[in-house]
Amino acid sequence: MRGATPAEATALMEWDAGEKRLGEPGPARDARLRVVAAVDDELRRRIGASYRLADLVRVYGDSSRWFLELAQRVAPGTPAAWDSSATLDAAFARWARNASDAVAR
């Protein structure tokens, strides 16, 4: 993760782990994918189309204020889909790859 700040490197590791968890089979998989799509929409609203890793880290740090409400609204009957270490982190991993300063991983 050459070129990333320590905060960015830590976030990238967490986000990659979340993306792996999202790929695991299970009964909540469809609901988790819906939550990831909703997080995508929220990120698009919060940071737009052009962003840096630092922007993602900043929004991620603030995500505790909005993620749970969003996940509960999108998948109200599936508490397993509210697991931010899978759904939120997976969405951020996808966005990190498209940051203007994305680092080789």
C-alpha atoms as a PDB file:
ATOM      1  CA  MET A   1       0.000   0.000   0.000  1.00  0.00           C
ATOM      2  CA  ARG A   2       2.793   2.272  -0.957  1.00  0.00           C
ATOM      3  CA  GLY A   3       1.824   5.925  -0.931  1.00  0.00           C
ATOM      4  CA  ALA A   4      -1.080   5.602   1.498  1.00  0.00           C
ATOM      5  CA  THR A   5      -1.114   7.415   4.823  1.00  0.00           C
ATOM      6  CA  PRO A   6      -1.322   5.184   7.915  1.00  0.00           C
ATOM      7  CA  ALA A   7      -5.040   5.977   8.269  1.00  0.00           C
ATOM      8  CA  GLU A   8      -5.657   5.139   4.618  1.00  0.00           C
ATOM      9  CA  ALA A   9      -3.643   1.905   4.830  1.00  0.00           C
ATOM     10  CA  THR A  10      -5.603   0.782   7.892  1.00  0.00           C
ATOM     11  CA  ALA A  11      -8.915   1.639   6.258  1.00  0.00           C
ATOM     12  CA  LEU A  12      -7.960  -0.190   3.062  1.00  0.00           C
ATOM     13  CA  MET A  13      -7.181  -3.350   5.044  1.00  0.00           C
ATOM     14  CA  GLU A  14     -10.522  -3.146   6.873  1.00  0.00           C
ATOM     15  CA  TRP A  15     -12.411  -2.495   3.665  1.00  0.00           C
ATOM     16  CA  ASP A  16     -10.747  -5.389   1.829  1.00  0.00           C
ATOM     17  CA  ALA A  17     -11.615  -7.728   4.704  1.00  0.00           C
ATOM     18  CA  GLY A  18     -15.224  -6.519   4.519  1.00  0.00           C
ATOM     19  CA  GLU A  19     -15.370  -7.241   0.828  1.00  0.00           C
ATOM     20  CA  LYS A  20     -14.211 -10.803   1.509  1.00  0.00           C
ATOM     21  CA  ARG A  21     -16.897 -11.220   4.193  1.00  0.00           C
ATOM     22  CA  LEU A  22     -19.518  -9.944   1.783  1.00  0.00           C
ATOM     23  CA  GLY A  23     -18.568 -12.697  -0.662  1.00  0.00           C
ATOM     24  CA  GLU A  24     -19.293 -15.437   1.865  1.00  0.00           C
ATOM     25  CA  PRO A  25     -22.489 -17.383   1.188  1.00  0.00           C
ATOM     26  CA  GLY A  26     -25.355 -17.197   3.631  1.00  0.00           C
ATOM     27  CA  PRO A  27     -29.035 -16.419   4.041  1.00  0.00           C
ATOM     28  CA  ALA A  28     -28.452 -12.675   4.417  1.00  0.00           C
ATOM     29  CA  ARG A  29     -26.423 -12.320   1.210  1.00  0.00           C
ATOM     30  CA  ASP A  30     -29.163 -10.684  -0.879  1.00  0.00           C
ATOM     31  CA  ALA A  31     -30.027  -8.249   1.912  1.00  0.00           C
ATOM     32  CA  ARG A  32     -26.349  -7.412   2.365  1.00  0.00           C
ATOM     33  CA  LEU A  33     -26.030  -6.654  -1.335  1.00  0.00           C
ATOM     34  CA  ARG A  34     -29.017  -4.294  -1.088  1.00  0.00           C
ATOM     35  CA  VAL A  35     -27.342  -2.513   1.816  1.00  0.00           C
ATOM     36  CA  VAL A  36     -24.090  -2.208  -0.167  1.00  0.00           C
ATOM     37  CA  ALA A  37     -26.066  -0.642  -3.037  1.00  0.00           C
ATOM     38  CA  ALA A  38     -27.644   1.823  -0.602  1.00  0.00           C
ATOM     39  CA  VAL A  39     -24.212   2.699   0.798  1.00  0.00           C
ATOM     40  CA  ASP A  40     -23.038   3.280  -2.789  1.00  0.00           C
ATOM     41  CA  ASP A  41     -25.868   5.759  -3.251  1.00  0.00           C
ATOM     42  CA  GLU A  42     -25.017   7.472   0.035  1.00  0.00           C
ATOM     43  CA  LEU A  43     -21.345   7.763  -0.903  1.00  0.00           C
ATOM     44  CA  ARG A  44     -22.257   9.210  -4.279  1.00  0.00           C
ATOM     45  CA  ARG A  45     -24.359  11.815  -2.465  1.00  0.00           C
ATOM     46  CA  ARG A  46     -21.697  12.581   0.130  1.00  0.00           C
ATOM     47  CA  ILE A  47     -18.530  12.713  -1.987  1.00  0.00           C
ATOM     48  CA  GLY A  48     -19.559  12.819  -5.635  1.00  0.00           C
ATOM     49  CA  ALA A  49     -17.744  11.378  -8.593  1.00  0.00           C
ATOM     50  CA  SER A  50     -14.261  12.769  -8.011  1.00  0.00           C
ATOM     51  CA  TYR A  51     -12.639  11.971  -4.666  1.00  0.00           C
ATOM     52  CA  ARG A  52      -9.437  10.932  -2.938  1.00  0.00           C
ATOM     53  CA  LEU A  53      -8.783   8.199  -0.386  1.00  0.00           C
ATOM     54  CA  ALA A  54      -8.662  10.868   2.319  1.00  0.00           C
ATOM     55  CA  ASP A  55     -12.255  11.817   1.415  1.00  0.00           C
ATOM     56  CA  LEU A  56     -13.337   8.206   1.837  1.00  0.00           C
ATOM     57  CA  VAL A  57     -11.540   7.894   5.169  1.00  0.00           C
ATOM     58  CA  ARG A  58     -13.263  11.063   6.387  1.00  0.00           C
ATOM     59  CA  VAL A  59     -16.732   9.850   5.370  1.00  0.00           C
ATOM     60  CA  TYR A  60     -15.984   6.406   6.815  1.00  0.00           C
ATOM     61  CA  GLY A  61     -15.117   8.030  10.141  1.00  0.00           C
ATOM     62  CA  ASP A  62     -18.521   9.694  10.134  1.00  0.00           C
ATOM     63  CA  SER A  63     -20.432   6.600   8.963  1.00  0.00           C
ATOM     64  CA  SER A  64     -21.507   5.594  12.474  1.00  0.00           C
ATOM     65  CA  ARG A  65     -23.907   8.545  12.308  1.00  0.00           C
ATOM     66  CA  TRP A  66     -25.789   7.283   9.250  1.00  0.00           C
ATOM     67  CA  PHE A  67     -24.989   3.652   8.417  1.00  0.00           C
ATOM     68  CA  LEU A  68     -27.158   1.745  10.894  1.00  0.00           C
ATOM     69  CA  GLU A  69     -30.294   3.753  10.094  1.00  0.00           C
ATOM     70  CA  LEU A  70     -29.692   3.237   6.379  1.00  0.00           C
ATOM     71  CA  ALA A  71     -29.089  -0.529   6.768  1.00  0.00           C
ATOM     72  CA  GLN A  72     -32.175  -0.984   8.958  1.00  0.00           C
ATOM     73  CA  ARG A  73     -34.325   0.879   6.455  1.00  0.00           C
ATOM     74  CA  VAL A  74     -33.016  -1.129   3.464  1.00  0.00           C
ATOM     75  CA  ALA A  75     -33.106  -4.550   5.164  1.00  0.00           C
ATOM     76  CA  PRO A  76     -35.473  -4.177   8.125  1.00  0.00           C
ATOM     77  CA  GLY A  77     -35.985  -7.897   8.718  1.00  0.00           C
ATOM     78  CA  THR A  78     -32.363  -8.944   8.303  1.00  0.00           C
ATOM     79  CA  PRO A  79     -30.130  -7.794  11.176  1.00  0.00           C
ATOM     80  CA  ALA A  80     -27.196  -9.744   9.688  1.00  0.00           C
ATOM     81  CA  ALA A  81     -27.201  -7.218   6.837  1.00  0.00           C
ATOM     82  CA  TRP A  82     -26.577  -4.420   9.321  1.00  0.00           C
ATOM     83  CA  ASP A  83     -23.050  -5.702   9.997  1.00  0.00           C
ATOM     84  CA  SER A  84     -20.898  -2.772   8.995  1.00  0.00           C
ATOM     85  CA  SER A  85     -17.760  -4.925   8.945  1.00  0.00           C
ATOM     86  CA  ALA A  86     -19.179  -6.644   5.864  1.00  0.00           C
ATOM     87  CA  THR A  87     -21.585  -4.324   4.084  1.00  0.00           C
ATOM     88  CA  LEU A  88     -20.203  -0.871   4.832  1.00  0.00           C
ATOM     89  CA  ASP A  89     -16.597  -1.972   4.456  1.00  0.00           C
ATOM     90  CA  ALA A  90     -17.315  -3.797   1.191  1.00  0.00           C
ATOM     91  CA  ALA A  91     -18.883  -0.681  -0.316  1.00  0.00           C
ATOM     92  CA  PHE A  92     -15.909   1.434   0.744  1.00  0.00           C
ATOM     93  CA  ALA A  93     -13.492  -1.138  -0.747  1.00  0.00           C
ATOM     94  CA  ARG A  94     -15.177  -0.775  -4.103  1.00  0.00           C
ATOM     95  CA  TRP A  95     -15.035   2.990  -3.943  1.00  0.00           C
ATOM     96  CA  ALA A  96     -11.390   2.974  -2.849  1.00  0.00           C
ATOM     97  CA  ARG A  97     -10.362   1.355  -6.125  1.00  0.00           C
ATOM     98  CA  ASN A  98     -11.744   4.361  -8.016  1.00  0.00           C
ATOM     99  CA  ALA A  99     -10.232   7.107  -5.866  1.00  0.00           C
ATOM    100  CA  SER A 100      -8.151   9.559  -7.866  1.00  0.00           C
ATOM    101  CA  ASP A 101      -5.134   8.653  -5.765  1.00  0.00           C
ATOM    102  CA  ALA A 102      -5.822   4.928  -5.432  1.00  0.00           C
ATOM    103  CA  VAL A 103      -2.693   3.077  -4.419  1.00  0.00           C
ATOM    104  CA  ALA A 104      -1.527  -0.219  -5.849  1.00  0.00           C
ATOM    105  CA  ARG A 105      -2.581  -3.047  -3.565  1.00  0.00           C
END
